Amino acid sequence: LVGYAEPLCEKLAPVLAWGRRDQPPDFWWKMWRGLGGVQAFGEGEVDAAVDAKRAALASSGSVLAEAATPVLVVQGSAELVVDASVPREVRRAVGSACDVATLEGFGHRGHPTDA
């Protein structure tokens, strides 16, 4: 469970699972695809979807670069959800206005000692 302290996960997981029992089996898959701007995702279309996302990022990044808008991408060194290539892709799209910072020991949810 992202965003919850480790001791709470054991108690929260059954409650959240019960609340999601009526959702279609592919609900979360479709939800994350939608958040990523992926329109179609059939078998063999993964590369096309990634390329489409890169193109959209390049378009957004060029607007930020032209406006000289500073961008900071922060990712934890122990991140297991967001691929490690994402900060490089953002930097490639935005250009020199983008800085990337890595937080040692942090993951998607936070630092393990925060639990």
Foldseek 3Di string as FASTA:
>chain_A
DAQDQPVCCVVVVVVVCVVCVPPPPCVVVVVVCVVLVQDDDDPPCPVVSVVVSLVVLLVVLVVCQVVLPAEEAEAEPAEDPDDPCVLVSNCVSNDPSYDYYYHYQAYRRGHNVVD
